[in-house]
């Protein structure tokens, strides 16, 4: 098989070590920019995540204007905010860092571009979705489910919700909708990473005239396209999962009810908010990873 090597991002380090294959330089990415970018984007986008979650779940906000609803979602109390931000940080950093490293490793083993790009985000996004699923469910329920209003005054609200679910429905209820969650998360990140890599190859490289400005615009374009593609494709699955949390229905029953009650409208429920809530943090993570990696590379000289 013909051997391929991947292009290293800014901030990557090349070393001629035991892992080098047939004389090729091994690329080792710096994980710090990935985690820093994921943390910043998760923190900044929490109000948008909450607004989209409320809209997709059918919970009610009282403000009449769009700005009023955004403020209502952004203002305290921030129920489940710590769990959402920390869970999203490690999950998104793991997916992007692991996918970049996994793709480079697979390319060095002779895998083709398409399979090497798709397989790491498929495996990693499925893993983090299952690992985070109990906290995903409890965080979503905290945003307005009347069943768990008592948890809003608890010291650890997510744990209070999980304890309530354990007592009333068993531990299996923690993973209700896990299949839908995996089906939603995997294509979202596979599409985002594939779009990111395609834009990376299609967009022209910065010229020497204005390297910094052109590189920033290029990174921003790549990031926005990647985030939007993933968010739009998976919005119906977000709605389906959130409805299952609210009603305790299984996939088939929930899907049938939504189609009977709303027709095709439910496919687009909360889509505008989701584009902001989902596309914004993914785009911000990609853009900030490029930015932080560039700073790290510059600081090393």
C-alpha atoms as a PDB file:
ATOM      1  CA  UNK A   1       0.000   0.000   0.000  1.00  0.00           C
ATOM      2  CA  UNK A   2       1.100   3.511  -0.681  1.00  0.00           C
ATOM      3  CA  UNK A   3       1.995   5.413   2.489  1.00  0.00           C
ATOM      4  CA  UNK A   4       0.505   8.843   3.177  1.00  0.00           C
ATOM      5  CA  UNK A   5       1.290  11.466   5.750  1.00  0.00           C
ATOM      6  CA  UNK A   6      -1.063  14.170   6.936  1.00  0.00           C
ATOM      7  CA  UNK A   7      -0.363  17.872   7.012  1.00  0.00           C
ATOM      8  CA  UNK A   8       0.483  19.087  10.505  1.00  0.00           C
ATOM      9  CA  UNK A   9      -1.605  21.924  11.947  1.00  0.00           C
ATOM     10  CA  UNK A  10      -0.082  24.980  13.479  1.00  0.00           C
ATOM     11  CA  UNK A  11       1.338  24.097  16.865  1.00  0.00           C
ATOM     12  CA  UNK A  12       2.158  20.487  15.934  1.00  0.00           C
ATOM     13  CA  UNK A  13       5.585  19.046  16.597  1.00  0.00           C
ATOM     14  CA  UNK A  14       7.516  16.718  14.292  1.00  0.00           C
ATOM     15  CA  UNK A  15       9.963  14.252  15.745  1.00  0.00           C
ATOM     16  CA  UNK A  16      12.072  11.499  14.248  1.00  0.00           C
ATOM     17  CA  UNK A  17      11.406   8.809  16.844  1.00  0.00           C
ATOM     18  CA  UNK A  18      10.748   5.096  17.058  1.00  0.00           C
ATOM     19  CA  UNK A  19       7.211   5.657  15.773  1.00  0.00           C
ATOM     20  CA  UNK A  20       8.414   7.017  12.437  1.00  0.00           C
ATOM     21  CA  UNK A  21       7.426   4.776   9.556  1.00  0.00           C
ATOM     22  CA  UNK A  22       9.842   4.258   6.675  1.00  0.00           C
ATOM     23  CA  UNK A  23      11.714   7.425   7.465  1.00  0.00           C
ATOM     24  CA  UNK A  24       8.655   9.687   7.761  1.00  0.00           C
ATOM     25  CA  UNK A  25       8.478  12.344  10.455  1.00  0.00           C
ATOM     26  CA  UNK A  26       5.895  11.603  13.136  1.00  0.00           C
ATOM     27  CA  UNK A  27       3.481  14.464  13.821  1.00  0.00           C
ATOM     28  CA  UNK A  28       2.501  15.006  17.442  1.00  0.00           C
ATOM     29  CA  UNK A  29      -0.184  17.611  18.080  1.00  0.00           C
ATOM     30  CA  UNK A  30      -0.209  19.737  21.199  1.00  0.00           C
ATOM     31  CA  UNK A  31      -3.372  18.878  23.202  1.00  0.00           C
ATOM     32  CA  UNK A  32      -3.404  22.118  25.217  1.00  0.00           C
ATOM     33  CA  UNK A  33      -4.886  24.344  22.451  1.00  0.00           C
ATOM     34  CA  UNK A  34      -7.687  21.825  21.919  1.00  0.00           C
ATOM     35  CA  UNK A  35      -8.674  21.766  25.587  1.00  0.00           C
ATOM     36  CA  UNK A  36      -8.311  25.527  26.027  1.00  0.00           C
ATOM     37  CA  UNK A  37     -10.421  26.199  22.927  1.00  0.00           C
ATOM     38  CA  UNK A  38     -13.075  23.709  24.022  1.00  0.00           C
ATOM     39  CA  UNK A  39     -13.282  25.252  27.511  1.00  0.00           C
ATOM     40  CA  UNK A  40     -13.662  28.812  26.216  1.00  0.00           C
ATOM     41  CA  UNK A  41     -16.291  27.878  23.620  1.00  0.00           C
ATOM     42  CA  UNK A  42     -18.271  25.755  26.115  1.00  0.00           C
ATOM     43  CA  UNK A  43     -18.355  28.583  28.665  1.00  0.00           C
ATOM     44  CA  UNK A  44     -19.326  31.300  26.190  1.00  0.00           C
ATOM     45  CA  UNK A  45     -21.978  29.219  24.438  1.00  0.00           C
ATOM     46  CA  UNK A  46     -23.798  27.895  27.528  1.00  0.00           C
ATOM     47  CA  UNK A  47     -26.687  30.444  27.269  1.00  0.00           C
ATOM     48  CA  UNK A  48     -27.200  29.497  23.615  1.00  0.00           C
ATOM     49  CA  UNK A  49     -27.149  25.793  24.505  1.00  0.00           C
ATOM     50  CA  UNK A  50     -29.780  26.442  27.186  1.00  0.00           C
ATOM     51  CA  UNK A  51     -31.944  28.469  24.794  1.00  0.00           C
ATOM     52  CA  UNK A  52     -31.806  25.734  22.131  1.00  0.00           C
ATOM     53  CA  UNK A  53     -32.495  23.001  24.691  1.00  0.00           C
ATOM     54  CA  UNK A  54     -35.575  24.794  25.982  1.00  0.00           C
ATOM     55  CA  UNK A  55     -36.846  25.362  22.433  1.00  0.00           C
ATOM     56  CA  UNK A  56     -36.262  21.782  21.281  1.00  0.00           C
ATOM     57  CA  UNK A  57     -37.756  20.285  24.454  1.00  0.00           C
ATOM     58  CA  UNK A  58     -40.897  22.400  24.339  1.00  0.00           C
ATOM     59  CA  UNK A  59     -40.183  24.048  27.708  1.00  0.00           C
ATOM     60  CA  UNK A  60     -41.509  27.556  28.079  1.00  0.00           C
ATOM     61  CA  UNK A  61     -39.750  30.913  28.273  1.00  0.00           C
ATOM     62  CA  UNK A  62     -41.863  33.908  29.291  1.00  0.00           C
ATOM     63  CA  UNK A  63     -40.192  36.726  27.330  1.00  0.00           C
ATOM     64  CA  UNK A  64     -41.867  37.733  24.065  1.00  0.00           C
ATOM     65  CA  UNK A  65     -38.865  39.080  22.131  1.00  0.00           C
ATOM     66  CA  UNK A  66     -35.856  37.122  20.851  1.00  0.00           C
ATOM     67  CA  UNK A  67     -33.443  39.227  22.937  1.00  0.00           C
ATOM     68  CA  UNK A  68     -35.679  38.810  25.981  1.00  0.00           C
ATOM     69  CA  UNK A  69     -35.658  35.022  25.580  1.00  0.00           C
ATOM     70  CA  UNK A  70     -31.878  35.034  25.181  1.00  0.00           C
ATOM     71  CA  UNK A  71     -31.500  37.079  28.365  1.00  0.00           C
ATOM     72  CA  UNK A  72     -33.920  34.786  30.188  1.00  0.00           C
ATOM     73  CA  UNK A  73     -31.800  31.805  29.139  1.00  0.00           C
ATOM     74  CA  UNK A  74     -28.526  33.536  30.007  1.00  0.00           C
ATOM     75  CA  UNK A  75     -29.356  34.951  33.427  1.00  0.00           C
ATOM     76  CA  UNK A  76     -28.953  33.018  36.710  1.00  0.00           C
ATOM     77  CA  UNK A  77     -29.767  30.521  38.050  1.00  0.00           C
ATOM     78  CA  UNK A  78     -27.476  28.507  35.781  1.00  0.00           C
ATOM     79  CA  UNK A  79     -28.862  25.066  36.518  1.00  0.00           C
ATOM     80  CA  UNK A  80     -26.429  22.358  35.462  1.00  0.00           C
ATOM     81  CA  UNK A  81     -24.006  24.900  34.001  1.00  0.00           C
ATOM     82  CA  UNK A  82     -20.877  23.431  35.624  1.00  0.00           C
ATOM     83  CA  UNK A  83     -21.677  19.930  34.396  1.00  0.00           C
ATOM     84  CA  UNK A  84     -22.549  21.152  30.901  1.00  0.00           C
ATOM     85  CA  UNK A  85     -19.370  23.232  30.541  1.00  0.00           C
ATOM     86  CA  UNK A  86     -16.959  20.652  31.960  1.00  0.00           C
ATOM     87  CA  UNK A  87     -18.630  17.749  30.172  1.00  0.00           C
ATOM     88  CA  UNK A  88     -18.634  19.576  26.863  1.00  0.00           C
ATOM     89  CA  UNK A  89     -15.017  20.671  27.323  1.00  0.00           C
ATOM     90  CA  UNK A  90     -13.528  17.206  27.743  1.00  0.00           C
ATOM     91  CA  UNK A  91     -15.858  15.651  25.168  1.00  0.00           C
ATOM     92  CA  UNK A  92     -15.237  18.154  22.386  1.00  0.00           C
ATOM     93  CA  UNK A  93     -11.493  18.340  23.047  1.00  0.00           C
ATOM     94  CA  UNK A  94     -11.285  14.545  23.008  1.00  0.00           C
ATOM     95  CA  UNK A  95     -13.160  14.353  19.714  1.00  0.00           C
ATOM     96  CA  UNK A  96     -11.153  17.018  17.883  1.00  0.00           C
ATOM     97  CA  UNK A  97      -7.722  16.188  19.301  1.00  0.00           C
ATOM     98  CA  UNK A  98      -8.273  12.433  19.030  1.00  0.00           C
ATOM     99  CA  UNK A  99      -9.656  12.745  15.510  1.00  0.00           C
ATOM    100  CA  UNK A 100      -6.702  14.811  14.276  1.00  0.00           C
ATOM    101  CA  UNK A 101      -4.184  12.444  15.876  1.00  0.00           C
ATOM    102  CA  UNK A 102      -6.127   9.344  14.841  1.00  0.00           C
ATOM    103  CA  UNK A 103      -6.390  10.498  11.249  1.00  0.00           C
ATOM    104  CA  UNK A 104      -2.652  11.159  11.028  1.00  0.00           C
ATOM    105  CA  UNK A 105      -1.869   7.762  12.551  1.00  0.00           C
ATOM    106  CA  UNK A 106      -4.216   5.936  10.168  1.00  0.00           C
ATOM    107  CA  UNK A 107      -2.776   7.767   7.171  1.00  0.00           C
ATOM    108  CA  UNK A 108       0.693   6.634   8.205  1.00  0.00           C
ATOM    109  CA  UNK A 109      -0.632   3.062   8.278  1.00  0.00           C
ATOM    110  CA  UNK A 110      -1.738   3.418   4.677  1.00  0.00           C
ATOM    111  CA  UNK A 111      -5.469   4.088   5.132  1.00  0.00           C
ATOM    112  CA  UNK A 112      -7.253   6.180   2.516  1.00  0.00           C
ATOM    113  CA  UNK A 113      -8.233   9.787   3.204  1.00  0.00           C
ATOM    114  CA  UNK A 114     -11.986   9.180   3.564  1.00  0.00           C
ATOM    115  CA  UNK A 115     -11.803   6.248   5.985  1.00  0.00           C
ATOM    116  CA  UNK A 116      -8.943   7.779   7.988  1.00  0.00           C
ATOM    117  CA  UNK A 117     -10.944  11.000   8.381  1.00  0.00           C
ATOM    118  CA  UNK A 118     -14.256   9.327   9.280  1.00  0.00           C
ATOM    119  CA  UNK A 119     -13.280   6.481  11.635  1.00  0.00           C
ATOM    120  CA  UNK A 120     -11.700   8.443  14.551  1.00  0.00           C
ATOM    121  CA  UNK A 121     -14.630  10.871  15.047  1.00  0.00           C
ATOM    122  CA  UNK A 122     -17.130   7.994  14.716  1.00  0.00           C
ATOM    123  CA  UNK A 123     -15.477   6.022  17.530  1.00  0.00           C
ATOM    124  CA  UNK A 124     -14.642   8.988  19.766  1.00  0.00           C
ATOM    125  CA  UNK A 125     -17.976  10.800  19.475  1.00  0.00           C
ATOM    126  CA  UNK A 126     -19.854   7.551  20.230  1.00  0.00           C
ATOM    127  CA  UNK A 127     -17.642   6.977  23.279  1.00  0.00           C
ATOM    128  CA  UNK A 128     -18.029  10.467  24.753  1.00  0.00           C
ATOM    129  CA  UNK A 129     -21.793  10.500  24.115  1.00  0.00           C
ATOM    130  CA  UNK A 130     -22.306   7.262  26.045  1.00  0.00           C
ATOM    131  CA  UNK A 131     -19.953   8.370  28.833  1.00  0.00           C
ATOM    132  CA  UNK A 132     -21.742  11.723  29.171  1.00  0.00           C
ATOM    133  CA  UNK A 133     -25.307  10.458  28.635  1.00  0.00           C
ATOM    134  CA  UNK A 134     -26.493  10.490  32.300  1.00  0.00           C
ATOM    135  CA  UNK A 135     -25.250  14.065  32.695  1.00  0.00           C
ATOM    136  CA  UNK A 136     -26.688  15.096  29.330  1.00  0.00           C
ATOM    137  CA  UNK A 137     -30.118  13.858  30.414  1.00  0.00           C
ATOM    138  CA  UNK A 138     -29.983  15.427  33.873  1.00  0.00           C
ATOM    139  CA  UNK A 139     -28.756  18.771  32.477  1.00  0.00           C
ATOM    140  CA  UNK A 140     -31.524  18.909  29.888  1.00  0.00           C
ATOM    141  CA  UNK A 141     -34.213  18.054  32.451  1.00  0.00           C
ATOM    142  CA  UNK A 142     -32.929  20.809  34.737  1.00  0.00           C
ATOM    143  CA  UNK A 143     -33.736  23.454  32.126  1.00  0.00           C
ATOM    144  CA  UNK A 144     -37.491  23.254  32.703  1.00  0.00           C
ATOM    145  CA  UNK A 145     -38.864  19.761  33.279  1.00  0.00           C
ATOM    146  CA  UNK A 146     -41.543  20.064  35.995  1.00  0.00           C
ATOM    147  CA  UNK A 147     -40.669  16.576  37.257  1.00  0.00           C
ATOM    148  CA  UNK A 148     -37.382  17.816  38.713  1.00  0.00           C
ATOM    149  CA  UNK A 149     -38.180  21.319  39.970  1.00  0.00           C
ATOM    150  CA  UNK A 150     -37.057  20.179  43.415  1.00  0.00           C
ATOM    151  CA  UNK A 151     -33.489  19.771  42.118  1.00  0.00           C
ATOM    152  CA  UNK A 152     -33.069  23.489  41.392  1.00  0.00           C
ATOM    153  CA  UNK A 153     -32.443  24.126  45.098  1.00  0.00           C
ATOM    154  CA  UNK A 154     -30.127  21.141  45.602  1.00  0.00           C
ATOM    155  CA  UNK A 155     -26.415  21.683  46.163  1.00  0.00           C
ATOM    156  CA  UNK A 156     -25.628  19.237  43.336  1.00  0.00           C
ATOM    157  CA  UNK A 157     -28.670  19.490  41.042  1.00  0.00           C
ATOM    158  CA  UNK A 158     -27.470  16.992  38.435  1.00  0.00           C
ATOM    159  CA  UNK A 159     -26.834  14.362  41.098  1.00  0.00           C
ATOM    160  CA  UNK A 160     -30.271  15.069  42.591  1.00  0.00           C
ATOM    161  CA  UNK A 161     -31.900  14.435  39.202  1.00  0.00           C
ATOM    162  CA  UNK A 162     -29.943  11.213  38.688  1.00  0.00           C
ATOM    163  CA  UNK A 163     -30.900   9.998  42.164  1.00  0.00           C
ATOM    164  CA  UNK A 164     -34.556  10.770  41.407  1.00  0.00           C
ATOM    165  CA  UNK A 165     -34.376   8.821  38.133  1.00  0.00           C
ATOM    166  CA  UNK A 166     -32.670   5.896  39.890  1.00  0.00           C
ATOM    167  CA  UNK A 167     -35.380   5.721  42.575  1.00  0.00           C
ATOM    168  CA  UNK A 168     -38.357   6.126  40.265  1.00  0.00           C
ATOM    169  CA  UNK A 169     -37.295   4.414  37.029  1.00  0.00           C
ATOM    170  CA  UNK A 170     -34.061   2.530  37.679  1.00  0.00           C
ATOM    171  CA  UNK A 171     -30.495   3.087  36.516  1.00  0.00           C
ATOM    172  CA  UNK A 172     -31.435   2.241  32.938  1.00  0.00           C
ATOM    173  CA  UNK A 173     -33.324   5.543  32.731  1.00  0.00           C
ATOM    174  CA  UNK A 174     -29.981   7.360  32.865  1.00  0.00           C
ATOM    175  CA  UNK A 175     -29.293   6.040  29.366  1.00  0.00           C
ATOM    176  CA  UNK A 176     -32.720   6.630  27.844  1.00  0.00           C
ATOM    177  CA  UNK A 177     -32.123   8.051  24.394  1.00  0.00           C
ATOM    178  CA  UNK A 178     -28.476   6.959  24.318  1.00  0.00           C
ATOM    179  CA  UNK A 179     -28.968   5.372  20.902  1.00  0.00           C
ATOM    180  CA  UNK A 180     -30.514   8.552  19.539  1.00  0.00           C
ATOM    181  CA  UNK A 181     -27.764  10.554  21.234  1.00  0.00           C
ATOM    182  CA  UNK A 182     -25.063   8.513  19.510  1.00  0.00           C
ATOM    183  CA  UNK A 183     -26.935   8.720  16.199  1.00  0.00           C
ATOM    184  CA  UNK A 184     -27.115  12.501  16.692  1.00  0.00           C
ATOM    185  CA  UNK A 185     -23.575  13.117  17.938  1.00  0.00           C
ATOM    186  CA  UNK A 186     -21.641  10.885  15.549  1.00  0.00           C
ATOM    187  CA  UNK A 187     -22.832  12.444  12.264  1.00  0.00           C
ATOM    188  CA  UNK A 188     -22.637  15.933  13.777  1.00  0.00           C
ATOM    189  CA  UNK A 189     -18.914  15.609  14.466  1.00  0.00           C
ATOM    190  CA  UNK A 190     -18.104  13.448  11.452  1.00  0.00           C
ATOM    191  CA  UNK A 191     -19.783  16.054   9.208  1.00  0.00           C
ATOM    192  CA  UNK A 192     -18.078  18.931  11.034  1.00  0.00           C
ATOM    193  CA  UNK A 193     -14.629  17.348  10.872  1.00  0.00           C
ATOM    194  CA  UNK A 194     -15.077  16.281   7.240  1.00  0.00           C
ATOM    195  CA  UNK A 195     -16.205  19.818   6.333  1.00  0.00           C
ATOM    196  CA  UNK A 196     -13.266  21.260   8.270  1.00  0.00           C
ATOM    197  CA  UNK A 197     -10.785  19.039   6.422  1.00  0.00           C
ATOM    198  CA  UNK A 198     -12.394  19.748   3.037  1.00  0.00           C
ATOM    199  CA  UNK A 199     -12.310  23.495   3.645  1.00  0.00           C
ATOM    200  CA  UNK A 200      -8.691  23.147   4.782  1.00  0.00           C
ATOM    201  CA  UNK A 201      -7.803  21.645   1.404  1.00  0.00           C
ATOM    202  CA  UNK A 202     -10.047  23.896  -0.706  1.00  0.00           C
ATOM    203  CA  UNK A 203      -9.362  27.319   0.763  1.00  0.00           C
ATOM    204  CA  UNK A 204      -6.306  29.094  -0.666  1.00  0.00           C
ATOM    205  CA  UNK A 205      -3.260  29.354   1.552  1.00  0.00           C
ATOM    206  CA  UNK A 206      -2.403  32.831   2.891  1.00  0.00           C
ATOM    207  CA  UNK A 207      -0.009  34.837   0.730  1.00  0.00           C
ATOM    208  CA  UNK A 208       3.067  36.483   2.160  1.00  0.00           C
ATOM    209  CA  UNK A 209       1.452  39.921   1.828  1.00  0.00           C
ATOM    210  CA  UNK A 210      -0.959  39.598   4.721  1.00  0.00           C
ATOM    211  CA  UNK A 211      -0.333  36.254   6.349  1.00  0.00           C
ATOM    212  CA  UNK A 212      -1.969  36.913   9.732  1.00  0.00           C
ATOM    213  CA  UNK A 213      -5.169  38.503   8.459  1.00  0.00           C
ATOM    214  CA  UNK A 214      -5.636  35.958   5.683  1.00  0.00           C
ATOM    215  CA  UNK A 215      -4.946  33.059   8.046  1.00  0.00           C
ATOM    216  CA  UNK A 216      -7.544  34.382  10.507  1.00  0.00           C
ATOM    217  CA  UNK A 217     -10.194  34.793   7.781  1.00  0.00           C
ATOM    218  CA  UNK A 218      -9.400  31.338   6.410  1.00  0.00           C
ATOM    219  CA  UNK A 219      -9.716  29.745   9.849  1.00  0.00           C
ATOM    220  CA  UNK A 220     -12.989  31.593  10.552  1.00  0.00           C
ATOM    221  CA  UNK A 221     -14.525  30.495   7.221  1.00  0.00           C
ATOM    222  CA  UNK A 222     -13.498  26.880   7.771  1.00  0.00           C
ATOM    223  CA  UNK A 223     -14.869  26.923  11.322  1.00  0.00           C
ATOM    224  CA  UNK A 224     -18.282  28.436  10.506  1.00  0.00           C
ATOM    225  CA  UNK A 225     -18.926  26.068   7.595  1.00  0.00           C
ATOM    226  CA  UNK A 226     -17.922  23.027   9.651  1.00  0.00           C
ATOM    227  CA  UNK A 227     -20.089  23.977  12.623  1.00  0.00           C
ATOM    228  CA  UNK A 228     -23.167  24.851  10.564  1.00  0.00           C
ATOM    229  CA  UNK A 229     -23.100  21.653   8.505  1.00  0.00           C
ATOM    230  CA  UNK A 230     -23.037  19.465  11.615  1.00  0.00           C
ATOM    231  CA  UNK A 231     -25.780  21.421  13.408  1.00  0.00           C
ATOM    232  CA  UNK A 232     -28.302  21.515  10.547  1.00  0.00           C
ATOM    233  CA  UNK A 233     -27.982  17.835   9.659  1.00  0.00           C
ATOM    234  CA  UNK A 234     -28.671  16.595  13.185  1.00  0.00           C
ATOM    235  CA  UNK A 235     -31.344  18.998  14.485  1.00  0.00           C
ATOM    236  CA  UNK A 236     -34.219  16.452  14.150  1.00  0.00           C
ATOM    237  CA  UNK A 237     -32.283  13.984  16.306  1.00  0.00           C
ATOM    238  CA  UNK A 238     -31.765  16.646  18.969  1.00  0.00           C
ATOM    239  CA  UNK A 239     -35.529  17.251  19.073  1.00  0.00           C
ATOM    240  CA  UNK A 240     -36.282  13.517  19.232  1.00  0.00           C
ATOM    241  CA  UNK A 241     -33.843  12.900  22.090  1.00  0.00           C
ATOM    242  CA  UNK A 242     -35.123  15.847  24.138  1.00  0.00           C
ATOM    243  CA  UNK A 243     -38.741  14.738  23.652  1.00  0.00           C
ATOM    244  CA  UNK A 244     -37.826  11.249  24.872  1.00  0.00           C
ATOM    245  CA  UNK A 245     -36.321  12.737  28.029  1.00  0.00           C
ATOM    246  CA  UNK A 246     -39.504  14.710  28.651  1.00  0.00           C
ATOM    247  CA  UNK A 247     -42.036  11.939  27.992  1.00  0.00           C
ATOM    248  CA  UNK A 248     -40.106   8.728  28.824  1.00  0.00           C
ATOM    249  CA  UNK A 249     -41.172   7.298  25.439  1.00  0.00           C
ATOM    250  CA  UNK A 250     -39.094   4.923  23.360  1.00  0.00           C
ATOM    251  CA  UNK A 251     -37.792   5.958  19.960  1.00  0.00           C
ATOM    252  CA  UNK A 252     -40.589   4.487  17.831  1.00  0.00           C
ATOM    253  CA  UNK A 253     -43.443   5.763  19.999  1.00  0.00           C
ATOM    254  CA  UNK A 254     -41.925   9.234  20.299  1.00  0.00           C
ATOM    255  CA  UNK A 255     -41.286   9.481  16.569  1.00  0.00           C
ATOM    256  CA  UNK A 256     -44.846   8.373  15.750  1.00  0.00           C
ATOM    257  CA  UNK A 257     -46.375  10.867  18.188  1.00  0.00           C
ATOM    258  CA  UNK A 258     -44.307  13.781  16.854  1.00  0.00           C
ATOM    259  CA  UNK A 259     -45.288  12.973  13.272  1.00  0.00           C
ATOM    260  CA  UNK A 260     -48.978  12.660  14.207  1.00  0.00           C
ATOM    261  CA  UNK A 261     -49.064  15.868  16.269  1.00  0.00           C
ATOM    262  CA  UNK A 262     -46.762  18.154  14.284  1.00  0.00           C
ATOM    263  CA  UNK A 263     -46.287  16.569  10.871  1.00  0.00           C
ATOM    264  CA  UNK A 264     -42.918  17.572   9.454  1.00  0.00           C
ATOM    265  CA  UNK A 265     -42.729  20.751  11.563  1.00  0.00           C
ATOM    266  CA  UNK A 266     -40.962  18.980  14.421  1.00  0.00           C
ATOM    267  CA  UNK A 267     -37.952  18.343  12.163  1.00  0.00           C
ATOM    268  CA  UNK A 268     -37.224  22.085  12.268  1.00  0.00           C
ATOM    269  CA  UNK A 269     -38.276  22.809  15.850  1.00  0.00           C
ATOM    270  CA  UNK A 270     -35.595  24.949  17.502  1.00  0.00           C
ATOM    271  CA  UNK A 271     -33.410  24.765  14.384  1.00  0.00           C
ATOM    272  CA  UNK A 272     -32.467  28.447  14.421  1.00  0.00           C
ATOM    273  CA  UNK A 273     -31.482  28.272  18.072  1.00  0.00           C
ATOM    274  CA  UNK A 274     -29.635  25.007  17.449  1.00  0.00           C
ATOM    275  CA  UNK A 275     -27.594  26.502  14.638  1.00  0.00           C
ATOM    276  CA  UNK A 276     -26.364  29.083  17.126  1.00  0.00           C
ATOM    277  CA  UNK A 277     -26.122  26.722  20.100  1.00  0.00           C
ATOM    278  CA  UNK A 278     -24.405  23.881  18.238  1.00  0.00           C
ATOM    279  CA  UNK A 279     -22.659  25.540  15.313  1.00  0.00           C
ATOM    280  CA  UNK A 280     -21.237  28.385  17.420  1.00  0.00           C
ATOM    281  CA  UNK A 281     -19.290  26.234  19.913  1.00  0.00           C
ATOM    282  CA  UNK A 282     -18.021  23.844  17.242  1.00  0.00           C
ATOM    283  CA  UNK A 283     -16.937  26.742  15.045  1.00  0.00           C
ATOM    284  CA  UNK A 284     -15.406  28.538  18.035  1.00  0.00           C
ATOM    285  CA  UNK A 285     -13.530  25.396  19.069  1.00  0.00           C
ATOM    286  CA  UNK A 286     -12.020  24.937  15.612  1.00  0.00           C
ATOM    287  CA  UNK A 287     -11.150  28.624  15.255  1.00  0.00           C
ATOM    288  CA  UNK A 288      -9.705  28.985  18.768  1.00  0.00           C
ATOM    289  CA  UNK A 289      -7.708  25.771  18.416  1.00  0.00           C
ATOM    290  CA  UNK A 290      -6.029  27.241  15.328  1.00  0.00           C
ATOM    291  CA  UNK A 291      -5.481  30.536  17.153  1.00  0.00           C
ATOM    292  CA  UNK A 292      -4.108  29.022  20.379  1.00  0.00           C
ATOM    293  CA  UNK A 293      -1.919  26.576  18.434  1.00  0.00           C
ATOM    294  CA  UNK A 294      -0.480  29.512  16.485  1.00  0.00           C
ATOM    295  CA  UNK A 295       0.289  31.365  19.713  1.00  0.00           C
ATOM    296  CA  UNK A 296       1.943  28.286  21.206  1.00  0.00           C
ATOM    297  CA  UNK A 297       4.029  27.788  18.086  1.00  0.00           C
ATOM    298  CA  UNK A 298       5.063  31.464  18.057  1.00  0.00           C
ATOM    299  CA  UNK A 299       6.012  31.366  21.756  1.00  0.00           C
ATOM    300  CA  UNK A 300       8.302  28.419  21.081  1.00  0.00           C
ATOM    301  CA  UNK A 301      10.000  30.329  18.318  1.00  0.00           C
END
